[in-house]
């Protein structure tokens, strides 16, 4: 898809292409792939390790093709496939939970411990601002996300890092809005408890 083009722009065109594919003109799927591969790649790249981006992106388009009959055409294919991309990322982390060796370390690294100690001792606003921008802050966030379930990780990344509305996250995860709100509260509470437990050990 061209840079700067809203993914909702092509709704009617996408629906026509999807109908053609479902009627047997499968070669036209390449048009949708070419149009939206960059958008899908960007979504996936924010959520999985760099060495898994290509695989998860490809999996997204395979899932989309297999589910194409479920594309109603009331939004662009890009909006629809972006939800599948988020679910594909969730599936990736669910698989990693079964194979812990590929997950981030289950405890902070030595440099991350040092960052936590500095943050705990911070008394000035400019110092705090510097620490938040420090690379170790991202490491701590990644460690915290690694302690969540695949679904809760996807929820936190989508709502609080990517800035999606909770109703959009709910649609992507195929949850009710109430369930999404409850899971968000519980996931934030777990992350806060993890940070507090770290602070108590300093």
C-alpha atoms as a PDB file:
ATOM      1  CA  UNK A   1       0.000   0.000   0.000  1.00  0.00           C
ATOM      2  CA  UNK A   2       1.243   3.517  -0.803  1.00  0.00           C
ATOM      3  CA  UNK A   3       2.612   5.500   2.126  1.00  0.00           C
ATOM      4  CA  UNK A   4       0.094   7.848   3.668  1.00  0.00           C
ATOM      5  CA  UNK A   5      -2.964   6.190   2.088  1.00  0.00           C
ATOM      6  CA  UNK A   6      -5.691   5.391   4.607  1.00  0.00           C
ATOM      7  CA  UNK A   7      -6.491   1.673   4.571  1.00  0.00           C
ATOM      8  CA  UNK A   8     -10.229   2.453   4.499  1.00  0.00           C
ATOM      9  CA  UNK A   9      -9.949   4.212   1.117  1.00  0.00           C
ATOM     10  CA  UNK A  10     -10.206   1.052  -0.957  1.00  0.00           C
ATOM     11  CA  UNK A  11     -13.322  -0.542   0.561  1.00  0.00           C
ATOM     12  CA  UNK A  12     -15.365  -0.963  -2.637  1.00  0.00           C
ATOM     13  CA  UNK A  13     -12.393  -2.003  -4.741  1.00  0.00           C
ATOM     14  CA  UNK A  14     -11.296  -4.526  -2.125  1.00  0.00           C
ATOM     15  CA  UNK A  15     -14.767  -6.040  -1.902  1.00  0.00           C
ATOM     16  CA  UNK A  16     -14.865  -6.486  -5.678  1.00  0.00           C
ATOM     17  CA  UNK A  17     -11.468  -8.181  -5.691  1.00  0.00           C
ATOM     18  CA  UNK A  18     -12.511 -10.471  -2.835  1.00  0.00           C
ATOM     19  CA  UNK A  19     -15.655 -11.505  -4.700  1.00  0.00           C
ATOM     20  CA  UNK A  20     -13.588 -12.280  -7.791  1.00  0.00           C
ATOM     21  CA  UNK A  21     -11.215 -14.446  -5.760  1.00  0.00           C
ATOM     22  CA  UNK A  22     -14.070 -16.340  -4.142  1.00  0.00           C
ATOM     23  CA  UNK A  23     -15.531 -16.943  -7.608  1.00  0.00           C
ATOM     24  CA  UNK A  24     -12.279 -18.604  -8.709  1.00  0.00           C
ATOM     25  CA  UNK A  25      -9.955 -15.812  -9.852  1.00  0.00           C
ATOM     26  CA  UNK A  26      -7.407 -16.620  -7.134  1.00  0.00           C
ATOM     27  CA  UNK A  27      -4.581 -14.794  -8.918  1.00  0.00           C
ATOM     28  CA  UNK A  28      -6.164 -11.494  -7.889  1.00  0.00           C
ATOM     29  CA  UNK A  29      -5.201 -12.193  -4.264  1.00  0.00           C
ATOM     30  CA  UNK A  30      -1.785 -10.881  -5.262  1.00  0.00           C
ATOM     31  CA  UNK A  31      -3.368  -7.446  -5.699  1.00  0.00           C
ATOM     32  CA  UNK A  32      -4.528  -7.391  -2.097  1.00  0.00           C
ATOM     33  CA  UNK A  33      -1.206  -8.723  -0.871  1.00  0.00           C
ATOM     34  CA  UNK A  34       0.747  -6.065  -2.756  1.00  0.00           C
ATOM     35  CA  UNK A  35      -1.558  -3.303  -1.600  1.00  0.00           C
ATOM     36  CA  UNK A  36      -1.492  -4.182   2.114  1.00  0.00           C
ATOM     37  CA  UNK A  37       1.747  -6.055   2.756  1.00  0.00           C
ATOM     38  CA  UNK A  38       3.544  -2.951   4.058  1.00  0.00           C
ATOM     39  CA  UNK A  39       0.719  -2.153   6.486  1.00  0.00           C
ATOM     40  CA  UNK A  40       0.670  -5.726   7.775  1.00  0.00           C
ATOM     41  CA  UNK A  41       4.451  -5.792   8.054  1.00  0.00           C
ATOM     42  CA  UNK A  42       4.372  -2.583  10.129  1.00  0.00           C
ATOM     43  CA  UNK A  43       1.790  -4.018  12.525  1.00  0.00           C
ATOM     44  CA  UNK A  44       3.708  -7.263  12.944  1.00  0.00           C
ATOM     45  CA  UNK A  45       7.117  -5.566  13.285  1.00  0.00           C
ATOM     46  CA  UNK A  46       5.892  -3.669  16.366  1.00  0.00           C
ATOM     47  CA  UNK A  47       4.835  -6.875  18.084  1.00  0.00           C
ATOM     48  CA  UNK A  48       7.235  -9.735  17.378  1.00  0.00           C
ATOM     49  CA  UNK A  49      11.036 -10.136  17.220  1.00  0.00           C
ATOM     50  CA  UNK A  50      12.684  -9.010  13.988  1.00  0.00           C
ATOM     51  CA  UNK A  51      13.560 -12.546  12.922  1.00  0.00           C
ATOM     52  CA  UNK A  52       9.890 -13.560  13.103  1.00  0.00           C
ATOM     53  CA  UNK A  53       8.314 -10.623  11.247  1.00  0.00           C
ATOM     54  CA  UNK A  54       8.399 -12.168   7.763  1.00  0.00           C
ATOM     55  CA  UNK A  55       6.999 -15.475   8.993  1.00  0.00           C
ATOM     56  CA  UNK A  56       4.142 -13.907  10.968  1.00  0.00           C
ATOM     57  CA  UNK A  57       3.318 -11.528   8.113  1.00  0.00           C
ATOM     58  CA  UNK A  58       3.113 -14.444   5.696  1.00  0.00           C
ATOM     59  CA  UNK A  59       0.988 -16.373   8.175  1.00  0.00           C
ATOM     60  CA  UNK A  60      -1.348 -13.376   8.350  1.00  0.00           C
ATOM     61  CA  UNK A  61      -2.003 -13.437   4.606  1.00  0.00           C
ATOM     62  CA  UNK A  62      -2.438 -17.205   4.604  1.00  0.00           C
ATOM     63  CA  UNK A  63      -5.016 -16.889   7.390  1.00  0.00           C
ATOM     64  CA  UNK A  64      -6.718 -14.053   5.525  1.00  0.00           C
ATOM     65  CA  UNK A  65      -6.938 -16.104   2.319  1.00  0.00           C
ATOM     66  CA  UNK A  66      -8.356 -19.089   4.178  1.00  0.00           C
ATOM     67  CA  UNK A  67     -10.945 -16.856   5.866  1.00  0.00           C
ATOM     68  CA  UNK A  68     -11.756 -14.673   2.863  1.00  0.00           C
ATOM     69  CA  UNK A  69     -15.391 -15.792   2.796  1.00  0.00           C
ATOM     70  CA  UNK A  70     -15.733 -14.017   6.157  1.00  0.00           C
ATOM     71  CA  UNK A  71     -14.709 -10.654   4.678  1.00  0.00           C
ATOM     72  CA  UNK A  72     -17.970  -8.714   4.485  1.00  0.00           C
ATOM     73  CA  UNK A  73     -16.626  -5.777   2.498  1.00  0.00           C
ATOM     74  CA  UNK A  74     -18.078  -3.179   4.897  1.00  0.00           C
ATOM     75  CA  UNK A  75     -14.535  -1.939   5.567  1.00  0.00           C
ATOM     76  CA  UNK A  76     -11.322  -2.043   3.547  1.00  0.00           C
ATOM     77  CA  UNK A  77      -9.493  -5.327   3.280  1.00  0.00           C
ATOM     78  CA  UNK A  78      -6.658  -3.528   5.073  1.00  0.00           C
ATOM     79  CA  UNK A  79      -8.786  -2.937   8.178  1.00  0.00           C
ATOM     80  CA  UNK A  80      -9.916  -6.544   8.129  1.00  0.00           C
ATOM     81  CA  UNK A  81      -6.472  -8.035   7.570  1.00  0.00           C
ATOM     82  CA  UNK A  82      -4.957  -5.786  10.268  1.00  0.00           C
ATOM     83  CA  UNK A  83      -7.136  -7.570  12.814  1.00  0.00           C
ATOM     84  CA  UNK A  84      -5.897 -10.898  11.508  1.00  0.00           C
ATOM     85  CA  UNK A  85      -2.318  -9.603  11.794  1.00  0.00           C
ATOM     86  CA  UNK A  86      -2.876  -8.799  15.472  1.00  0.00           C
ATOM     87  CA  UNK A  87      -4.313 -12.265  16.068  1.00  0.00           C
ATOM     88  CA  UNK A  88      -1.366 -13.812  14.205  1.00  0.00           C
ATOM     89  CA  UNK A  89       1.020 -11.990  16.533  1.00  0.00           C
ATOM     90  CA  UNK A  90      -0.981 -13.261  19.485  1.00  0.00           C
ATOM     91  CA  UNK A  91      -0.719 -16.797  18.101  1.00  0.00           C
ATOM     92  CA  UNK A  92       3.044 -16.336  17.744  1.00  0.00           C
ATOM     93  CA  UNK A  93       3.423 -15.435  21.428  1.00  0.00           C
ATOM     94  CA  UNK A  94       1.093 -18.242  22.450  1.00  0.00           C
ATOM     95  CA  UNK A  95       3.393 -20.670  20.660  1.00  0.00           C
ATOM     96  CA  UNK A  96       6.416 -19.108  22.336  1.00  0.00           C
ATOM     97  CA  UNK A  97       4.785 -19.668  25.716  1.00  0.00           C
ATOM     98  CA  UNK A  98       4.905 -23.359  24.888  1.00  0.00           C
ATOM     99  CA  UNK A  99       8.606 -23.099  24.133  1.00  0.00           C
ATOM    100  CA  UNK A 100      10.023 -20.861  26.815  1.00  0.00           C
ATOM    101  CA  UNK A 101      13.535 -20.991  25.377  1.00  0.00           C
ATOM    102  CA  UNK A 102      12.535 -18.428  22.737  1.00  0.00           C
ATOM    103  CA  UNK A 103      11.034 -16.006  25.233  1.00  0.00           C
ATOM    104  CA  UNK A 104      12.810 -13.075  26.805  1.00  0.00           C
ATOM    105  CA  UNK A 105      14.690 -13.812  30.007  1.00  0.00           C
ATOM    106  CA  UNK A 106      12.352 -14.618  32.873  1.00  0.00           C
ATOM    107  CA  UNK A 107      14.198 -12.145  35.097  1.00  0.00           C
ATOM    108  CA  UNK A 108      15.686  -8.703  34.417  1.00  0.00           C
ATOM    109  CA  UNK A 109      19.289  -8.536  33.227  1.00  0.00           C
ATOM    110  CA  UNK A 110      22.024  -6.966  35.342  1.00  0.00           C
ATOM    111  CA  UNK A 111      21.841  -3.700  33.389  1.00  0.00           C
ATOM    112  CA  UNK A 112      18.061  -3.651  33.775  1.00  0.00           C
ATOM    113  CA  UNK A 113      18.440  -4.133  37.533  1.00  0.00           C
ATOM    114  CA  UNK A 114      20.770  -1.136  37.548  1.00  0.00           C
ATOM    115  CA  UNK A 115      18.195   0.912  35.619  1.00  0.00           C
ATOM    116  CA  UNK A 116      15.509  -0.053  38.146  1.00  0.00           C
ATOM    117  CA  UNK A 117      17.747   1.030  41.010  1.00  0.00           C
ATOM    118  CA  UNK A 118      18.430   4.375  39.306  1.00  0.00           C
ATOM    119  CA  UNK A 119      14.737   4.902  38.614  1.00  0.00           C
ATOM    120  CA  UNK A 120      13.833   4.113  42.212  1.00  0.00           C
ATOM    121  CA  UNK A 121      16.381   6.655  43.476  1.00  0.00           C
ATOM    122  CA  UNK A 122      15.331   9.343  40.982  1.00  0.00           C
ATOM    123  CA  UNK A 123      14.176  12.573  42.628  1.00  0.00           C
ATOM    124  CA  UNK A 124      14.207  15.135  39.782  1.00  0.00           C
ATOM    125  CA  UNK A 125      11.854  15.396  36.822  1.00  0.00           C
ATOM    126  CA  UNK A 126      14.646  15.816  34.258  1.00  0.00           C
ATOM    127  CA  UNK A 127      16.395  12.730  35.612  1.00  0.00           C
ATOM    128  CA  UNK A 128      13.169  10.736  35.356  1.00  0.00           C
ATOM    129  CA  UNK A 129      12.625  11.931  31.782  1.00  0.00           C
ATOM    130  CA  UNK A 130      16.127  10.793  30.852  1.00  0.00           C
ATOM    131  CA  UNK A 131      15.628   7.396  32.435  1.00  0.00           C
ATOM    132  CA  UNK A 132      12.341   6.787  30.631  1.00  0.00           C
ATOM    133  CA  UNK A 133      14.085   7.425  27.311  1.00  0.00           C
ATOM    134  CA  UNK A 134      16.952   5.098  28.247  1.00  0.00           C
ATOM    135  CA  UNK A 135      17.214   1.850  26.305  1.00  0.00           C
ATOM    136  CA  UNK A 136      16.838  -0.189  29.490  1.00  0.00           C
ATOM    137  CA  UNK A 137      13.301   1.145  29.922  1.00  0.00           C
ATOM    138  CA  UNK A 138      12.330  -0.743  26.761  1.00  0.00           C
ATOM    139  CA  UNK A 139      14.025  -3.824  28.132  1.00  0.00           C
ATOM    140  CA  UNK A 140      12.018  -3.637  31.340  1.00  0.00           C
ATOM    141  CA  UNK A 141       8.801  -3.204  29.359  1.00  0.00           C
ATOM    142  CA  UNK A 142       9.691  -6.206  27.201  1.00  0.00           C
ATOM    143  CA  UNK A 143      10.404  -8.245  30.322  1.00  0.00           C
ATOM    144  CA  UNK A 144       7.042  -7.252  31.837  1.00  0.00           C
ATOM    145  CA  UNK A 145       5.202  -8.109  28.621  1.00  0.00           C
ATOM    146  CA  UNK A 146       6.958 -11.462  28.633  1.00  0.00           C
ATOM    147  CA  UNK A 147       5.287 -12.287  31.946  1.00  0.00           C
ATOM    148  CA  UNK A 148       1.790 -11.874  30.496  1.00  0.00           C
ATOM    149  CA  UNK A 149      -0.270 -14.372  28.544  1.00  0.00           C
ATOM    150  CA  UNK A 150      -0.154 -14.027  24.767  1.00  0.00           C
ATOM    151  CA  UNK A 151      -3.643 -12.494  24.755  1.00  0.00           C
ATOM    152  CA  UNK A 152      -2.909  -9.992  27.522  1.00  0.00           C
ATOM    153  CA  UNK A 153       0.376  -9.031  25.895  1.00  0.00           C
ATOM    154  CA  UNK A 154      -1.461  -8.342  22.642  1.00  0.00           C
ATOM    155  CA  UNK A 155      -4.080  -6.312  24.511  1.00  0.00           C
ATOM    156  CA  UNK A 156      -1.505  -4.142  26.320  1.00  0.00           C
ATOM    157  CA  UNK A 157       0.581  -3.586  23.181  1.00  0.00           C
ATOM    158  CA  UNK A 158      -2.468  -2.667  21.128  1.00  0.00           C
ATOM    159  CA  UNK A 159      -4.209  -0.386  23.610  1.00  0.00           C
ATOM    160  CA  UNK A 160      -1.363   1.243  25.516  1.00  0.00           C
ATOM    161  CA  UNK A 161       1.548   1.192  23.071  1.00  0.00           C
ATOM    162  CA  UNK A 162      -0.174   1.458  19.677  1.00  0.00           C
ATOM    163  CA  UNK A 163      -2.998   3.594  21.079  1.00  0.00           C
ATOM    164  CA  UNK A 164      -5.882   1.556  19.681  1.00  0.00           C
ATOM    165  CA  UNK A 165      -9.330   2.086  21.183  1.00  0.00           C
ATOM    166  CA  UNK A 166     -10.473  -0.745  23.431  1.00  0.00           C
ATOM    167  CA  UNK A 167     -13.405  -1.460  21.109  1.00  0.00           C
ATOM    168  CA  UNK A 168     -10.906  -1.876  18.249  1.00  0.00           C
ATOM    169  CA  UNK A 169      -8.788  -4.211  20.359  1.00  0.00           C
ATOM    170  CA  UNK A 170     -11.911  -6.171  21.293  1.00  0.00           C
ATOM    171  CA  UNK A 171     -12.795  -6.575  17.618  1.00  0.00           C
ATOM    172  CA  UNK A 172      -9.249  -7.683  16.768  1.00  0.00           C
ATOM    173  CA  UNK A 173      -9.207 -10.299  19.515  1.00  0.00           C
ATOM    174  CA  UNK A 174     -12.833 -11.259  18.871  1.00  0.00           C
ATOM    175  CA  UNK A 175     -13.754 -10.468  22.480  1.00  0.00           C
ATOM    176  CA  UNK A 176     -16.633  -8.516  23.956  1.00  0.00           C
ATOM    177  CA  UNK A 177     -15.829  -4.968  25.044  1.00  0.00           C
ATOM    178  CA  UNK A 178     -16.568  -5.877  28.670  1.00  0.00           C
ATOM    179  CA  UNK A 179     -14.136  -8.790  28.569  1.00  0.00           C
ATOM    180  CA  UNK A 180     -11.494  -6.567  26.998  1.00  0.00           C
ATOM    181  CA  UNK A 181     -11.875  -3.922  29.705  1.00  0.00           C
ATOM    182  CA  UNK A 182     -11.654  -6.516  32.485  1.00  0.00           C
ATOM    183  CA  UNK A 183      -8.584  -8.173  30.959  1.00  0.00           C
ATOM    184  CA  UNK A 184      -6.927  -4.758  30.539  1.00  0.00           C
ATOM    185  CA  UNK A 185      -7.441  -3.953  34.221  1.00  0.00           C
ATOM    186  CA  UNK A 186      -6.081  -7.334  35.294  1.00  0.00           C
ATOM    187  CA  UNK A 187      -3.064  -7.139  32.962  1.00  0.00           C
ATOM    188  CA  UNK A 188      -2.141  -3.637  34.170  1.00  0.00           C
ATOM    189  CA  UNK A 189      -2.527  -4.796  37.766  1.00  0.00           C
ATOM    190  CA  UNK A 190      -0.223  -7.761  37.152  1.00  0.00           C
ATOM    191  CA  UNK A 191       2.428  -5.526  35.580  1.00  0.00           C
ATOM    192  CA  UNK A 192       2.190  -3.096  38.493  1.00  0.00           C
ATOM    193  CA  UNK A 193       2.528  -5.954  41.003  1.00  0.00           C
ATOM    194  CA  UNK A 194       5.605  -7.236  39.162  1.00  0.00           C
ATOM    195  CA  UNK A 195       7.219  -3.806  39.345  1.00  0.00           C
ATOM    196  CA  UNK A 196       6.341  -3.486  43.014  1.00  0.00           C
ATOM    197  CA  UNK A 197       7.819  -6.898  43.769  1.00  0.00           C
ATOM    198  CA  UNK A 198      11.019  -5.837  42.012  1.00  0.00           C
ATOM    199  CA  UNK A 199      11.097  -2.619  44.025  1.00  0.00           C
ATOM    200  CA  UNK A 200      10.732  -4.533  47.279  1.00  0.00           C
ATOM    201  CA  UNK A 201      13.744  -6.674  46.418  1.00  0.00           C
ATOM    202  CA  UNK A 202      16.054  -3.701  45.830  1.00  0.00           C
END
